[in-house]
Amino acid sequence: MQNILLGILLISCVVVIISTMFMEPKAEGMGSISGSSANVFGKTASRGKEKLL
């Protein structure tokens, strides 16, 4: 019984992870999986760090 519940939990976790990976980001530049170049400092890290210094 415990193995069946563990299997169901594992499958549901994988489904949730995969479904969130395929979701489109709501705001532009917020998708880490889609290869977005925006970060904390702005469009690119090098330009943002140079501006900060």
PDB file of N, CA and C in Angstrom:
ATOM      1  N   MET A   1       0.816  -1.194   0.000  1.00  0.00           N
ATOM      2  CA  MET A   1       0.000   0.000   0.000  1.00  0.00           C
ATOM      3  C   MET A   1       0.863   1.264   0.000  1.00  0.00           C
ATOM      4  N   GLN A   2       1.919   1.242   0.802  1.00  0.00           N
ATOM      5  CA  GLN A   2       2.798   2.404   0.889  1.00  0.00           C
ATOM      6  C   GLN A   2       3.537   2.624  -0.432  1.00  0.00           C
ATOM      7  N   ASN A   3       3.925   1.544  -1.100  1.00  0.00           N
ATOM      8  CA  ASN A   3       4.617   1.669  -2.389  1.00  0.00           C
ATOM      9  C   ASN A   3       3.714   2.271  -3.459  1.00  0.00           C
ATOM     10  N   ILE A   4       2.442   1.938  -3.422  1.00  0.00           N
ATOM     11  CA  ILE A   4       1.499   2.487  -4.397  1.00  0.00           C
ATOM     12  C   ILE A   4       1.351   3.992  -4.198  1.00  0.00           C
ATOM     13  N   LEU A   5       1.205   4.424  -2.953  1.00  0.00           N
ATOM     14  CA  LEU A   5       1.088   5.852  -2.662  1.00  0.00           C
ATOM     15  C   LEU A   5       2.365   6.601  -3.016  1.00  0.00           C
ATOM     16  N   LEU A   6       3.509   5.976  -2.783  1.00  0.00           N
ATOM     17  CA  LEU A   6       4.782   6.593  -3.143  1.00  0.00           C
ATOM     18  C   LEU A   6       4.901   6.749  -4.657  1.00  0.00           C
ATOM     19  N   GLY A   7       4.455   5.764  -5.389  1.00  0.00           N
ATOM     20  CA  GLY A   7       4.471   5.840  -6.847  1.00  0.00           C
ATOM     21  C   GLY A   7       3.555   6.933  -7.376  1.00  0.00           C
ATOM     22  N   ILE A   8       2.364   7.047  -6.795  1.00  0.00           N
ATOM     23  CA  ILE A   8       1.433   8.102  -7.203  1.00  0.00           C
ATOM     24  C   ILE A   8       2.014   9.474  -6.887  1.00  0.00           C
ATOM     25  N   LEU A   9       2.639   9.621  -5.735  1.00  0.00           N
ATOM     26  CA  LEU A   9       3.260  10.887  -5.353  1.00  0.00           C
ATOM     27  C   LEU A   9       4.393  11.250  -6.299  1.00  0.00           C
ATOM     28  N   LEU A  10       5.216  10.292  -6.657  1.00  0.00           N
ATOM     29  CA  LEU A  10       6.331  10.534  -7.564  1.00  0.00           C
ATOM     30  C   LEU A  10       5.842  10.956  -8.948  1.00  0.00           C
ATOM     31  N   ILE A  11       4.852  10.271  -9.461  1.00  0.00           N
ATOM     32  CA  ILE A  11       4.308  10.602 -10.778  1.00  0.00           C
ATOM     33  C   ILE A  11       3.670  11.985 -10.771  1.00  0.00           C
ATOM     34  N   SER A  12       2.930  12.305  -9.718  1.00  0.00           N
ATOM     35  CA  SER A  12       2.293  13.622  -9.663  1.00  0.00           C
ATOM     36  C   SER A  12       3.324  14.737  -9.533  1.00  0.00           C
ATOM     37  N   CYS A  13       4.410  14.496  -8.809  1.00  0.00           N
ATOM     38  CA  CYS A  13       5.476  15.499  -8.702  1.00  0.00           C
ATOM     39  C   CYS A  13       6.124  15.755 -10.055  1.00  0.00           C
ATOM     40  N   VAL A  14       6.389  14.715 -10.801  1.00  0.00           N
ATOM     41  CA  VAL A  14       6.997  14.862 -12.122  1.00  0.00           C
ATOM     42  C   VAL A  14       6.057  15.617 -13.059  1.00  0.00           C
ATOM     43  N   VAL A  15       4.767  15.324 -13.001  1.00  0.00           N
ATOM     44  CA  VAL A  15       3.792  16.011 -13.849  1.00  0.00           C
ATOM     45  C   VAL A  15       3.736  17.500 -13.509  1.00  0.00           C
ATOM     46  N   VAL A  16       3.762  17.839 -12.225  1.00  0.00           N
ATOM     47  CA  VAL A  16       3.723  19.251 -11.821  1.00  0.00           C
ATOM     48  C   VAL A  16       4.982  19.978 -12.279  1.00  0.00           C
ATOM     49  N   ILE A  17       6.135  19.356 -12.130  1.00  0.00           N
ATOM     50  CA  ILE A  17       7.394  19.983 -12.545  1.00  0.00           C
ATOM     51  C   ILE A  17       7.413  20.215 -14.053  1.00  0.00           C
ATOM     52  N   ILE A  18       7.017  19.225 -14.821  1.00  0.00           N
ATOM     53  CA  ILE A  18       7.020  19.355 -16.278  1.00  0.00           C
ATOM     54  C   ILE A  18       6.007  20.398 -16.737  1.00  0.00           C
ATOM     55  N   SER A  19       4.837  20.420 -16.113  1.00  0.00           N
ATOM     56  CA  SER A  19       3.826  21.399 -16.531  1.00  0.00           C
ATOM     57  C   SER A  19       4.251  22.824 -16.205  1.00  0.00           C
ATOM     58  N   THR A  20       4.964  23.045 -15.109  1.00  0.00           N
ATOM     59  CA  THR A  20       5.434  24.396 -14.804  1.00  0.00           C
ATOM     60  C   THR A  20       6.590  24.807 -15.707  1.00  0.00           C
ATOM     61  N   MET A  21       7.379  23.858 -16.173  1.00  0.00           N
ATOM     62  CA  MET A  21       8.468  24.190 -17.087  1.00  0.00           C
ATOM     63  C   MET A  21       7.944  24.645 -18.443  1.00  0.00           C
ATOM     64  N   PHE A  22       6.804  24.130 -18.870  1.00  0.00           N
ATOM     65  CA  PHE A  22       6.256  24.482 -20.176  1.00  0.00           C
ATOM     66  C   PHE A  22       5.339  25.694 -20.142  1.00  0.00           C
ATOM     67  N   MET A  23       5.104  26.277 -18.974  1.00  0.00           N
ATOM     68  CA  MET A  23       4.255  27.465 -18.883  1.00  0.00           C
ATOM     69  C   MET A  23       4.989  28.678 -19.435  1.00  0.00           C
ATOM     70  N   GLU A  24       4.256  29.550 -20.094  1.00  0.00           N
ATOM     71  CA  GLU A  24       4.813  30.793 -20.609  1.00  0.00           C
ATOM     72  C   GLU A  24       4.902  31.795 -19.463  1.00  0.00           C
ATOM     73  N   PRO A  25       5.974  32.575 -19.410  1.00  0.00           N
ATOM     74  CA  PRO A  25       6.077  33.591 -18.359  1.00  0.00           C
ATOM     75  C   PRO A  25       5.058  34.703 -18.576  1.00  0.00           C
ATOM     76  N   LYS A  26       4.516  35.244 -17.475  1.00  0.00           N
ATOM     77  CA  LYS A  26       3.507  36.299 -17.581  1.00  0.00           C
ATOM     78  C   LYS A  26       4.136  37.649 -17.884  1.00  0.00           C
ATOM     79  N   ALA A  27       5.339  37.886 -17.407  1.00  0.00           N
ATOM     80  CA  ALA A  27       6.020  39.150 -17.661  1.00  0.00           C
ATOM     81  C   ALA A  27       7.221  38.904 -18.561  1.00  0.00           C
ATOM     82  N   GLU A  28       7.524  39.862 -19.405  1.00  0.00           N
ATOM     83  CA  GLU A  28       8.657  39.722 -20.310  1.00  0.00           C
ATOM     84  C   GLU A  28       9.956  39.730 -19.513  1.00  0.00           C
ATOM     85  N   GLY A  29      10.845  38.798 -19.810  1.00  0.00           N
ATOM     86  CA  GLY A  29      12.132  38.741 -19.140  1.00  0.00           C
ATOM     87  C   GLY A  29      12.120  37.982 -17.833  1.00  0.00           C
ATOM     88  N   MET A  30      11.058  37.265 -17.533  1.00  0.00           N
ATOM     89  CA  MET A  30      10.986  36.562 -16.260  1.00  0.00           C
ATOM     90  C   MET A  30      11.176  35.051 -16.404  1.00  0.00           C
ATOM     91  N   GLY A  31      11.457  34.564 -17.601  1.00  0.00           N
ATOM     92  CA  GLY A  31      11.572  33.124 -17.802  1.00  0.00           C
ATOM     93  C   GLY A  31      13.002  32.643 -17.686  1.00  0.00           C
ATOM     94  N   SER A  32      13.321  31.919 -16.633  1.00  0.00           N
ATOM     95  CA  SER A  32      14.685  31.426 -16.474  1.00  0.00           C
ATOM     96  C   SER A  32      14.943  30.213 -17.358  1.00  0.00           C
ATOM     97  N   ILE A  33      13.924  29.429 -17.620  1.00  0.00           N
ATOM     98  CA  ILE A  33      14.101  28.240 -18.446  1.00  0.00           C
ATOM     99  C   ILE A  33      14.178  28.617 -19.920  1.00  0.00           C
ATOM    100  N   SER A  34      13.490  29.679 -20.308  1.00  0.00           N
ATOM    101  CA  SER A  34      13.465  30.062 -21.719  1.00  0.00           C
ATOM    102  C   SER A  34      14.706  30.821 -22.155  1.00  0.00           C
ATOM    103  N   GLY A  35      15.678  31.009 -21.294  1.00  0.00           N
ATOM    104  CA  GLY A  35      16.927  31.642 -21.678  1.00  0.00           C
ATOM    105  C   GLY A  35      16.888  33.147 -21.636  1.00  0.00           C
ATOM    106  N   SER A  36      16.177  33.692 -20.722  1.00  0.00           N
ATOM    107  CA  SER A  36      16.071  35.143 -20.607  1.00  0.00           C
ATOM    108  C   SER A  36      17.407  35.745 -20.203  1.00  0.00           C
ATOM    109  N   SER A  37      17.715  36.939 -20.718  1.00  0.00           N
ATOM    110  CA  SER A  37      18.996  37.569 -20.409  1.00  0.00           C
ATOM    111  C   SER A  37      18.871  38.621 -19.320  1.00  0.00           C
ATOM    112  N   ALA A  38      17.682  38.883 -18.840  1.00  0.00           N
ATOM    113  CA  ALA A  38      17.505  39.893 -17.793  1.00  0.00           C
ATOM    114  C   ALA A  38      17.909  39.307 -16.446  1.00  0.00           C
ATOM    115  N   ASN A  39      18.465  40.161 -15.598  1.00  0.00           N
ATOM    116  CA  ASN A  39      18.840  39.719 -14.263  1.00  0.00           C
ATOM    117  C   ASN A  39      18.639  40.861 -13.285  1.00  0.00           C
ATOM    118  N   VAL A  40      19.226  40.766 -12.117  1.00  0.00           N
ATOM    119  CA  VAL A  40      19.027  41.749 -11.065  1.00  0.00           C
ATOM    120  C   VAL A  40      19.521  43.124 -11.488  1.00  0.00           C
ATOM    121  N   PHE A  41      20.608  43.178 -12.248  1.00  0.00           N
ATOM    122  CA  PHE A  41      21.221  44.449 -12.607  1.00  0.00           C
ATOM    123  C   PHE A  41      20.619  45.073 -13.860  1.00  0.00           C
ATOM    124  N   GLY A  42      19.749  44.410 -14.546  1.00  0.00           N
ATOM    125  CA  GLY A  42      19.151  44.969 -15.759  1.00  0.00           C
ATOM    126  C   GLY A  42      19.204  43.981 -16.901  1.00  0.00           C
ATOM    127  N   LYS A  43      19.425  44.488 -18.111  1.00  0.00           N
ATOM    128  CA  LYS A  43      19.410  43.626 -19.293  1.00  0.00           C
ATOM    129  C   LYS A  43      20.554  42.628 -19.291  1.00  0.00           C
ATOM    130  N   THR A  44      21.769  43.090 -19.042  1.00  0.00           N
ATOM    131  CA  THR A  44      22.914  42.186 -18.997  1.00  0.00           C
ATOM    132  C   THR A  44      23.712  42.450 -17.736  1.00  0.00           C
ATOM    133  N   ALA A  45      24.355  41.424 -17.241  1.00  0.00           N
ATOM    134  CA  ALA A  45      25.083  41.550 -15.979  1.00  0.00           C
ATOM    135  C   ALA A  45      26.293  42.458 -16.113  1.00  0.00           C
ATOM    136  N   SER A  46      27.018  42.377 -17.222  1.00  0.00           N
ATOM    137  CA  SER A  46      28.239  43.175 -17.357  1.00  0.00           C
ATOM    138  C   SER A  46      27.930  44.666 -17.413  1.00  0.00           C
ATOM    139  N   ARG A  47      26.924  45.041 -18.170  1.00  0.00           N
ATOM    140  CA  ARG A  47      26.565  46.448 -18.264  1.00  0.00           C
ATOM    141  C   ARG A  47      26.018  46.958 -16.929  1.00  0.00           C
ATOM    142  N   GLY A  48      25.266  46.129 -16.224  1.00  0.00           N
ATOM    143  CA  GLY A  48      24.693  46.537 -14.947  1.00  0.00           C
ATOM    144  C   GLY A  48      25.745  46.698 -13.872  1.00  0.00           C
ATOM    145  N   LYS A  49      26.721  45.792 -13.847  1.00  0.00           N
ATOM    146  CA  LYS A  49      27.784  45.891 -12.851  1.00  0.00           C
ATOM    147  C   LYS A  49      28.670  47.096 -13.118  1.00  0.00           C
ATOM    148  N   GLU A  50      28.945  47.363 -14.394  1.00  0.00           N
ATOM    149  CA  GLU A  50      29.762  48.526 -14.742  1.00  0.00           C
ATOM    150  C   GLU A  50      29.050  49.818 -14.347  1.00  0.00           C
ATOM    151  N   LYS A  51      27.767  49.859 -14.559  1.00  0.00           N
ATOM    152  CA  LYS A  51      27.009  51.054 -14.206  1.00  0.00           C
ATOM    153  C   LYS A  51      26.977  51.233 -12.690  1.00  0.00           C
ATOM    154  N   LEU A  52      26.894  50.125 -11.963  1.00  0.00           N
ATOM    155  CA  LEU A  52      26.853  50.174 -10.504  1.00  0.00           C
ATOM    156  C   LEU A  52      28.171  50.663  -9.939  1.00  0.00           C
ATOM    157  N   LEU A  53      29.290  50.255 -10.538  1.00  0.00           N
ATOM    158  CA  LEU A  53      30.603  50.670 -10.047  1.00  0.00           C
ATOM    159  C   LEU A  53      30.887  52.088 -10.472  1.00  0.00           C
TER     160      LEU A  53
END
